[in-house]
Amino acid sequence: MGAYQDSGDALVGVGFGLIGAVMLDPARSVFAGSPGDYCWGGAASTYFWVDPLEDMIVVFMTQLMPPAALPTRRDVRRLVYAALE
């Protein structure tokens, strides 16, 4: 499972670099975000992302195994970006 993946979601609109996963095209992605935001996820559904455009850093700590059991990463991103509007 990649940082932008939950429950088998495709990584459309996302690329990878030295820092981890990078949002290339938010309009094509199933994840909320800004172009150029980057993230990484851990084995127990832990997750962080940095969005330079929004001047935001998010660290999400949980202990859910396996990571694909629930779409937590996608849901957390959706809720955080909804709160910004």
PDB file of N, CA and C in Angstrom:
ATOM      1  N   MET A   1       0.837  -1.187   0.000  1.00  0.00           N
ATOM      2  CA  MET A   1       0.000   0.000   0.000  1.00  0.00           C
ATOM      3  C   MET A   1       0.876   1.242   0.000  1.00  0.00           C
ATOM      4  N   GLY A   2       0.603   2.132  -0.883  1.00  0.00           N
ATOM      5  CA  GLY A   2       1.323   3.387  -0.932  1.00  0.00           C
ATOM      6  C   GLY A   2       0.660   4.435  -0.052  1.00  0.00           C
ATOM      7  N   ALA A   3       1.304   5.560   0.050  1.00  0.00           N
ATOM      8  CA  ALA A   3       0.816   6.627   0.914  1.00  0.00           C
ATOM      9  C   ALA A   3      -0.520   7.188   0.451  1.00  0.00           C
ATOM     10  N   TYR A   4      -0.769   7.182  -0.849  1.00  0.00           N
ATOM     11  CA  TYR A   4      -2.031   7.688  -1.373  1.00  0.00           C
ATOM     12  C   TYR A   4      -3.009   6.560  -1.624  1.00  0.00           C
ATOM     13  N   GLN A   5      -2.740   5.383  -1.135  1.00  0.00           N
ATOM     14  CA  GLN A   5      -3.600   4.255  -1.405  1.00  0.00           C
ATOM     15  C   GLN A   5      -4.324   3.797  -0.159  1.00  0.00           C
ATOM     16  N   ASP A   6      -5.595   3.532  -0.297  1.00  0.00           N
ATOM     17  CA  ASP A   6      -6.432   2.918   0.721  1.00  0.00           C
ATOM     18  C   ASP A   6      -7.422   2.027   0.002  1.00  0.00           C
ATOM     19  N   SER A   7      -7.654   0.855   0.507  1.00  0.00           N
ATOM     20  CA  SER A   7      -8.663  -0.036  -0.036  1.00  0.00           C
ATOM     21  C   SER A   7      -8.506  -0.277  -1.530  1.00  0.00           C
ATOM     22  N   GLY A   8      -7.275  -0.321  -2.021  1.00  0.00           N
ATOM     23  CA  GLY A   8      -7.038  -0.633  -3.419  1.00  0.00           C
ATOM     24  C   GLY A   8      -7.249   0.508  -4.392  1.00  0.00           C
ATOM     25  N   ASP A   9      -7.374   1.744  -3.926  1.00  0.00           N
ATOM     26  CA  ASP A   9      -7.557   2.883  -4.831  1.00  0.00           C
ATOM     27  C   ASP A   9      -6.353   3.016  -5.754  1.00  0.00           C
ATOM     28  N   ALA A  10      -6.640   3.379  -6.991  1.00  0.00           N
ATOM     29  CA  ALA A  10      -5.572   3.566  -7.972  1.00  0.00           C
ATOM     30  C   ALA A  10      -4.784   4.830  -7.651  1.00  0.00           C
ATOM     31  N   LEU A  11      -3.553   4.872  -8.091  1.00  0.00           N
ATOM     32  CA  LEU A  11      -2.678   6.018  -7.837  1.00  0.00           C
ATOM     33  C   LEU A  11      -2.676   6.990  -9.012  1.00  0.00           C
ATOM     34  N   VAL A  12      -3.817   7.178  -9.631  1.00  0.00           N
ATOM     35  CA  VAL A  12      -3.933   8.116 -10.739  1.00  0.00           C
ATOM     36  C   VAL A  12      -3.696   9.529 -10.213  1.00  0.00           C
ATOM     37  N   GLY A  13      -2.883  10.302 -10.912  1.00  0.00           N
ATOM     38  CA  GLY A  13      -2.608  11.678 -10.516  1.00  0.00           C
ATOM     39  C   GLY A  13      -1.506  11.827  -9.484  1.00  0.00           C
ATOM     40  N   VAL A  14      -0.836  10.724  -9.161  1.00  0.00           N
ATOM     41  CA  VAL A  14       0.196  10.724  -8.110  1.00  0.00           C
ATOM     42  C   VAL A  14       1.501  10.195  -8.691  1.00  0.00           C
ATOM     43  N   GLY A  15       2.619  10.789  -8.260  1.00  0.00           N
ATOM     44  CA  GLY A  15       3.933  10.298  -8.635  1.00  0.00           C
ATOM     45  C   GLY A  15       4.759  10.025  -7.395  1.00  0.00           C
ATOM     46  N   PHE A  16       5.982   9.587  -7.577  1.00  0.00           N
ATOM     47  CA  PHE A  16       6.857   9.291  -6.451  1.00  0.00           C
ATOM     48  C   PHE A  16       8.220   9.912  -6.677  1.00  0.00           C
ATOM     49  N   GLY A  17       8.812  10.418  -5.602  1.00  0.00           N
ATOM     50  CA  GLY A  17      10.133  11.016  -5.661  1.00  0.00           C
ATOM     51  C   GLY A  17      10.943  10.608  -4.448  1.00  0.00           C
ATOM     52  N   LEU A  18      12.023  11.313  -4.197  1.00  0.00           N
ATOM     53  CA  LEU A  18      12.888  10.997  -3.065  1.00  0.00           C
ATOM     54  C   LEU A  18      12.193  11.192  -1.724  1.00  0.00           C
ATOM     55  N   ILE A  19      11.209  12.074  -1.669  1.00  0.00           N
ATOM     56  CA  ILE A  19      10.509  12.347  -0.406  1.00  0.00           C
ATOM     57  C   ILE A  19       9.282  11.478  -0.206  1.00  0.00           C
ATOM     58  N   GLY A  20       8.915  10.689  -1.192  1.00  0.00           N
ATOM     59  CA  GLY A  20       7.741   9.822  -1.085  1.00  0.00           C
ATOM     60  C   GLY A  20       6.758  10.107  -2.203  1.00  0.00           C
ATOM     61  N   ALA A  21       5.471   9.986  -1.907  1.00  0.00           N
ATOM     62  CA  ALA A  21       4.427  10.203  -2.891  1.00  0.00           C
ATOM     63  C   ALA A  21       4.187  11.696  -3.070  1.00  0.00           C
ATOM     64  N   VAL A  22       3.947  12.110  -4.310  1.00  0.00           N
ATOM     65  CA  VAL A  22       3.746  13.528  -4.631  1.00  0.00           C
ATOM     66  C   VAL A  22       2.473  13.663  -5.470  1.00  0.00           C
ATOM     67  N   MET A  23       1.602  14.580  -5.070  1.00  0.00           N
ATOM     68  CA  MET A  23       0.377  14.847  -5.825  1.00  0.00           C
ATOM     69  C   MET A  23       0.730  15.621  -7.090  1.00  0.00           C
ATOM     70  N   LEU A  24       0.431  15.021  -8.234  1.00  0.00           N
ATOM     71  CA  LEU A  24       0.701  15.664  -9.512  1.00  0.00           C
ATOM     72  C   LEU A  24      -0.549  16.329 -10.085  1.00  0.00           C
ATOM     73  N   ASP A  25      -1.686  15.646  -9.973  1.00  0.00           N
ATOM     74  CA  ASP A  25      -2.926  16.142 -10.574  1.00  0.00           C
ATOM     75  C   ASP A  25      -4.110  15.830  -9.655  1.00  0.00           C
ATOM     76  N   PRO A  26      -4.465  16.744  -8.743  1.00  0.00           N
ATOM     77  CA  PRO A  26      -5.564  16.492  -7.805  1.00  0.00           C
ATOM     78  C   PRO A  26      -6.897  16.223  -8.484  1.00  0.00           C
ATOM     79  N   ALA A  27      -7.114  16.782  -9.659  1.00  0.00           N
ATOM     80  CA  ALA A  27      -8.380  16.580 -10.373  1.00  0.00           C
ATOM     81  C   ALA A  27      -8.560  15.127 -10.798  1.00  0.00           C
ATOM     82  N   ARG A  28      -7.479  14.423 -11.029  1.00  0.00           N
ATOM     83  CA  ARG A  28      -7.540  13.017 -11.446  1.00  0.00           C
ATOM     84  C   ARG A  28      -7.449  12.054 -10.271  1.00  0.00           C
ATOM     85  N   SER A  29      -7.011  12.528  -9.119  1.00  0.00           N
ATOM     86  CA  SER A  29      -6.799  11.672  -7.954  1.00  0.00           C
ATOM     87  C   SER A  29      -8.086  11.497  -7.152  1.00  0.00           C
ATOM     88  N   VAL A  30      -8.204  10.375  -6.468  1.00  0.00           N
ATOM     89  CA  VAL A  30      -9.336  10.156  -5.562  1.00  0.00           C
ATOM     90  C   VAL A  30      -9.077  10.823  -4.211  1.00  0.00           C
ATOM     91  N   PHE A  31      -7.876  11.382  -4.021  1.00  0.00           N
ATOM     92  CA  PHE A  31      -7.507  12.034  -2.772  1.00  0.00           C
ATOM     93  C   PHE A  31      -7.591  13.544  -2.914  1.00  0.00           C
ATOM     94  N   ALA A  32      -8.074  14.210  -1.871  1.00  0.00           N
ATOM     95  CA  ALA A  32      -8.063  15.670  -1.831  1.00  0.00           C
ATOM     96  C   ALA A  32      -6.620  16.132  -1.675  1.00  0.00           C
ATOM     97  N   GLY A  33      -6.314  17.303  -2.220  1.00  0.00           N
ATOM     98  CA  GLY A  33      -4.965  17.827  -2.058  1.00  0.00           C
ATOM     99  C   GLY A  33      -4.660  18.936  -3.020  1.00  0.00           C
ATOM    100  N   SER A  34      -3.417  19.375  -2.983  1.00  0.00           N
ATOM    101  CA  SER A  34      -2.924  20.440  -3.851  1.00  0.00           C
ATOM    102  C   SER A  34      -1.780  19.896  -4.689  1.00  0.00           C
ATOM    103  N   PRO A  35      -1.581  20.446  -5.875  1.00  0.00           N
ATOM    104  CA  PRO A  35      -0.426  20.017  -6.667  1.00  0.00           C
ATOM    105  C   PRO A  35       0.861  20.224  -5.870  1.00  0.00           C
ATOM    106  N   GLY A  36       1.693  19.208  -5.819  1.00  0.00           N
ATOM    107  CA  GLY A  36       2.970  19.309  -5.123  1.00  0.00           C
ATOM    108  C   GLY A  36       2.938  18.910  -3.670  1.00  0.00           C
ATOM    109  N   ASP A  37       1.752  18.587  -3.106  1.00  0.00           N
ATOM    110  CA  ASP A  37       1.790  18.104  -1.720  1.00  0.00           C
ATOM    111  C   ASP A  37       2.425  16.719  -1.716  1.00  0.00           C
ATOM    112  N   TYR A  38       3.042  16.366  -0.610  1.00  0.00           N
ATOM    113  CA  TYR A  38       3.728  15.082  -0.542  1.00  0.00           C
ATOM    114  C   TYR A  38       3.413  14.393   0.771  1.00  0.00           C
ATOM    115  N   CYS A  39       3.540  13.057   0.747  1.00  0.00           N
ATOM    116  CA  CYS A  39       3.110  12.286   1.916  1.00  0.00           C
ATOM    117  C   CYS A  39       3.791  10.927   1.955  1.00  0.00           C
ATOM    118  N   TRP A  40       3.546  10.253   3.059  1.00  0.00           N
ATOM    119  CA  TRP A  40       3.957   8.856   3.209  1.00  0.00           C
ATOM    120  C   TRP A  40       3.134   8.237   4.314  1.00  0.00           C
ATOM    121  N   GLY A  41       2.862   6.950   4.187  1.00  0.00           N
ATOM    122  CA  GLY A  41       2.083   6.229   5.182  1.00  0.00           C
ATOM    123  C   GLY A  41       2.845   5.044   5.727  1.00  0.00           C
ATOM    124  N   GLY A  42       2.563   4.714   6.984  1.00  0.00           N
ATOM    125  CA  GLY A  42       3.226   3.592   7.638  1.00  0.00           C
ATOM    126  C   GLY A  42       2.372   2.331   7.650  1.00  0.00           C
ATOM    127  N   ALA A  43       2.924   1.266   8.194  1.00  0.00           N
ATOM    128  CA  ALA A  43       2.286  -0.047   8.167  1.00  0.00           C
ATOM    129  C   ALA A  43       0.988  -0.109   8.957  1.00  0.00           C
ATOM    130  N   ALA A  44       0.862   0.624  10.039  1.00  0.00           N
ATOM    131  CA  ALA A  44      -0.327   0.546  10.888  1.00  0.00           C
ATOM    132  C   ALA A  44      -1.260   1.735  10.639  1.00  0.00           C
ATOM    133  N   SER A  45      -1.335   2.159   9.381  1.00  0.00           N
ATOM    134  CA  SER A  45      -2.187   3.269   8.937  1.00  0.00           C
ATOM    135  C   SER A  45      -1.716   4.635   9.411  1.00  0.00           C
ATOM    136  N   THR A  46      -0.511   4.728   9.997  1.00  0.00           N
ATOM    137  CA  THR A  46       0.028   6.048  10.323  1.00  0.00           C
ATOM    138  C   THR A  46       0.251   6.795   9.016  1.00  0.00           C
ATOM    139  N   TYR A  47       0.261   8.126   9.080  1.00  0.00           N
ATOM    140  CA  TYR A  47       0.262   8.894   7.845  1.00  0.00           C
ATOM    141  C   TYR A  47       0.706  10.321   8.127  1.00  0.00           C
ATOM    142  N   PHE A  48       1.446  10.897   7.207  1.00  0.00           N
ATOM    143  CA  PHE A  48       1.736  12.324   7.282  1.00  0.00           C
ATOM    144  C   PHE A  48       1.667  12.889   5.879  1.00  0.00           C
ATOM    145  N   TRP A  49       1.351  14.181   5.795  1.00  0.00           N
ATOM    146  CA  TRP A  49       1.489  14.868   4.523  1.00  0.00           C
ATOM    147  C   TRP A  49       1.792  16.331   4.753  1.00  0.00           C
ATOM    148  N   VAL A  50       2.459  16.903   3.773  1.00  0.00           N
ATOM    149  CA  VAL A  50       2.852  18.308   3.793  1.00  0.00           C
ATOM    150  C   VAL A  50       2.269  18.949   2.544  1.00  0.00           C
ATOM    151  N   ASP A  51       1.547  20.049   2.751  1.00  0.00           N
ATOM    152  CA  ASP A  51       0.966  20.784   1.635  1.00  0.00           C
ATOM    153  C   ASP A  51       1.536  22.203   1.668  1.00  0.00           C
ATOM    154  N   PRO A  52       2.604  22.460   0.891  1.00  0.00           N
ATOM    155  CA  PRO A  52       3.216  23.789   0.898  1.00  0.00           C
ATOM    156  C   PRO A  52       2.258  24.890   0.430  1.00  0.00           C
ATOM    157  N   LEU A  53       1.358  24.582  -0.485  1.00  0.00           N
ATOM    158  CA  LEU A  53       0.422  25.577  -0.989  1.00  0.00           C
ATOM    159  C   LEU A  53      -0.516  26.080   0.107  1.00  0.00           C
ATOM    160  N   GLU A  54      -0.961  25.178   0.974  1.00  0.00           N
ATOM    161  CA  GLU A  54      -1.854  25.540   2.081  1.00  0.00           C
ATOM    162  C   GLU A  54      -1.091  25.874   3.363  1.00  0.00           C
ATOM    163  N   ASP A  55       0.245  25.789   3.324  1.00  0.00           N
ATOM    164  CA  ASP A  55       1.083  26.024   4.501  1.00  0.00           C
ATOM    165  C   ASP A  55       0.645  25.109   5.652  1.00  0.00           C
ATOM    166  N   MET A  56       0.593  23.810   5.366  1.00  0.00           N
ATOM    167  CA  MET A  56       0.010  22.852   6.301  1.00  0.00           C
ATOM    168  C   MET A  56       0.849  21.576   6.384  1.00  0.00           C
ATOM    169  N   ILE A  57       0.971  21.082   7.616  1.00  0.00           N
ATOM    170  CA  ILE A  57       1.581  19.781   7.879  1.00  0.00           C
ATOM    171  C   ILE A  57       0.589  18.997   8.724  1.00  0.00           C
ATOM    172  N   VAL A  58       0.322  17.760   8.329  1.00  0.00           N
ATOM    173  CA  VAL A  58      -0.616  16.909   9.064  1.00  0.00           C
ATOM    174  C   VAL A  58       0.091  15.615   9.428  1.00  0.00           C
ATOM    175  N   VAL A  59      -0.024  15.214  10.688  1.00  0.00           N
ATOM    176  CA  VAL A  59       0.495  13.929  11.157  1.00  0.00           C
ATOM    177  C   VAL A  59      -0.681  13.185  11.766  1.00  0.00           C
ATOM    178  N   PHE A  60      -0.971  12.002  11.244  1.00  0.00           N
ATOM    179  CA  PHE A  60      -2.105  11.200  11.686  1.00  0.00           C
ATOM    180  C   PHE A  60      -1.557   9.892  12.254  1.00  0.00           C
ATOM    181  N   MET A  61      -1.715   9.710  13.543  1.00  0.00           N
ATOM    182  CA  MET A  61      -1.183   8.521  14.212  1.00  0.00           C
ATOM    183  C   MET A  61      -2.334   7.609  14.636  1.00  0.00           C
ATOM    184  N   THR A  62      -2.300   6.401  14.173  1.00  0.00           N
ATOM    185  CA  THR A  62      -3.300   5.404  14.532  1.00  0.00           C
ATOM    186  C   THR A  62      -2.625   4.038  14.515  1.00  0.00           C
ATOM    187  N   GLN A  63      -3.318   3.045  14.942  1.00  0.00           N
ATOM    188  CA  GLN A  63      -2.781   1.682  14.948  1.00  0.00           C
ATOM    189  C   GLN A  63      -3.823   0.745  14.364  1.00  0.00           C
ATOM    190  N   LEU A  64      -4.069   0.864  13.070  1.00  0.00           N
ATOM    191  CA  LEU A  64      -5.058   0.042  12.388  1.00  0.00           C
ATOM    192  C   LEU A  64      -4.348  -0.886  11.416  1.00  0.00           C
ATOM    193  N   MET A  65      -4.489  -2.162  11.663  1.00  0.00           N
ATOM    194  CA  MET A  65      -3.880  -3.167  10.785  1.00  0.00           C
ATOM    195  C   MET A  65      -4.981  -4.045  10.223  1.00  0.00           C
ATOM    196  N   PRO A  66      -4.931  -4.386   8.971  1.00  0.00           N
ATOM    197  CA  PRO A  66      -4.030  -3.892   7.929  1.00  0.00           C
ATOM    198  C   PRO A  66      -4.445  -2.487   7.500  1.00  0.00           C
ATOM    199  N   PRO A  67      -3.553  -1.739   6.864  1.00  0.00           N
ATOM    200  CA  PRO A  67      -3.858  -0.368   6.484  1.00  0.00           C
ATOM    201  C   PRO A  67      -5.064  -0.243   5.561  1.00  0.00           C
ATOM    202  N   ALA A  68      -5.347  -1.258   4.775  1.00  0.00           N
ATOM    203  CA  ALA A  68      -6.463  -1.190   3.828  1.00  0.00           C
ATOM    204  C   ALA A  68      -7.804  -1.570   4.463  1.00  0.00           C
ATOM    205  N   ALA A  69      -7.834  -1.814   5.781  1.00  0.00           N
ATOM    206  CA  ALA A  69      -9.080  -2.216   6.436  1.00  0.00           C
ATOM    207  C   ALA A  69     -10.148  -1.132   6.325  1.00  0.00           C
ATOM    208  N   LEU A  70      -9.759   0.114   6.420  1.00  0.00           N
ATOM    209  CA  LEU A  70     -10.663   1.260   6.291  1.00  0.00           C
ATOM    210  C   LEU A  70      -9.965   2.340   5.473  1.00  0.00           C
ATOM    211  N   PRO A  71     -10.719   3.184   4.760  1.00  0.00           N
ATOM    212  CA  PRO A  71     -10.087   4.245   3.960  1.00  0.00           C
ATOM    213  C   PRO A  71      -9.698   5.459   4.813  1.00  0.00           C
ATOM    214  N   THR A  72      -8.968   5.235   5.901  1.00  0.00           N
ATOM    215  CA  THR A  72      -8.663   6.316   6.849  1.00  0.00           C
ATOM    216  C   THR A  72      -7.844   7.434   6.226  1.00  0.00           C
ATOM    217  N   ARG A  73      -6.865   7.107   5.419  1.00  0.00           N
ATOM    218  CA  ARG A  73      -6.012   8.155   4.834  1.00  0.00           C
ATOM    219  C   ARG A  73      -6.825   9.074   3.931  1.00  0.00           C
ATOM    220  N   ARG A  74      -7.634   8.491   3.085  1.00  0.00           N
ATOM    221  CA  ARG A  74      -8.473   9.293   2.185  1.00  0.00           C
ATOM    222  C   ARG A  74      -9.475  10.129   2.979  1.00  0.00           C
ATOM    223  N   ASP A  75     -10.096   9.528   4.007  1.00  0.00           N
ATOM    224  CA  ASP A  75     -11.093  10.242   4.813  1.00  0.00           C
ATOM    225  C   ASP A  75     -10.478  11.400   5.596  1.00  0.00           C
ATOM    226  N   VAL A  76      -9.303  11.192   6.180  1.00  0.00           N
ATOM    227  CA  VAL A  76      -8.644  12.254   6.942  1.00  0.00           C
ATOM    228  C   VAL A  76      -8.308  13.419   6.016  1.00  0.00           C
ATOM    229  N   ARG A  77      -7.785  13.124   4.848  1.00  0.00           N
ATOM    230  CA  ARG A  77      -7.462  14.191   3.893  1.00  0.00           C
ATOM    231  C   ARG A  77      -8.719  14.963   3.495  1.00  0.00           C
ATOM    232  N   ARG A  78      -9.790  14.237   3.191  1.00  0.00           N
ATOM    233  CA  ARG A  78     -11.040  14.886   2.784  1.00  0.00           C
ATOM    234  C   ARG A  78     -11.565  15.803   3.879  1.00  0.00           C
ATOM    235  N   LEU A  79     -11.539  15.333   5.125  1.00  0.00           N
ATOM    236  CA  LEU A  79     -12.029  16.136   6.245  1.00  0.00           C
ATOM    237  C   LEU A  79     -11.163  17.373   6.496  1.00  0.00           C
ATOM    238  N   VAL A  80      -9.853  17.226   6.412  1.00  0.00           N
ATOM    239  CA  VAL A  80      -8.964  18.371   6.654  1.00  0.00           C
ATOM    240  C   VAL A  80      -9.159  19.431   5.576  1.00  0.00           C
ATOM    241  N   TYR A  81      -9.200  19.031   4.315  1.00  0.00           N
ATOM    242  CA  TYR A  81      -9.388  20.022   3.243  1.00  0.00           C
ATOM    243  C   TYR A  81     -10.776  20.634   3.281  1.00  0.00           C
ATOM    244  N   ALA A  82     -11.786  19.881   3.678  1.00  0.00           N
ATOM    245  CA  ALA A  82     -13.146  20.436   3.831  1.00  0.00           C
ATOM    246  C   ALA A  82     -13.180  21.492   4.924  1.00  0.00           C
ATOM    247  N   ALA A  83     -12.401  21.288   5.987  1.00  0.00           N
ATOM    248  CA  ALA A  83     -12.359  22.262   7.083  1.00  0.00           C
ATOM    249  C   ALA A  83     -11.683  23.563   6.670  1.00  0.00           C
ATOM    250  N   LEU A  84     -10.836  23.525   5.639  1.00  0.00           N
ATOM    251  CA  LEU A  84     -10.156  24.731   5.169  1.00  0.00           C
ATOM    252  C   LEU A  84     -11.079  25.641   4.362  1.00  0.00           C
ATOM    253  N   GLU A  85     -12.114  25.070   3.778  1.00  0.00           N
ATOM    254  CA  GLU A  85     -13.004  25.857   2.909  1.00  0.00           C
ATOM    255  C   GLU A  85     -13.907  26.769   3.672  1.00  0.00           C
TER     256      GLU A  85
END
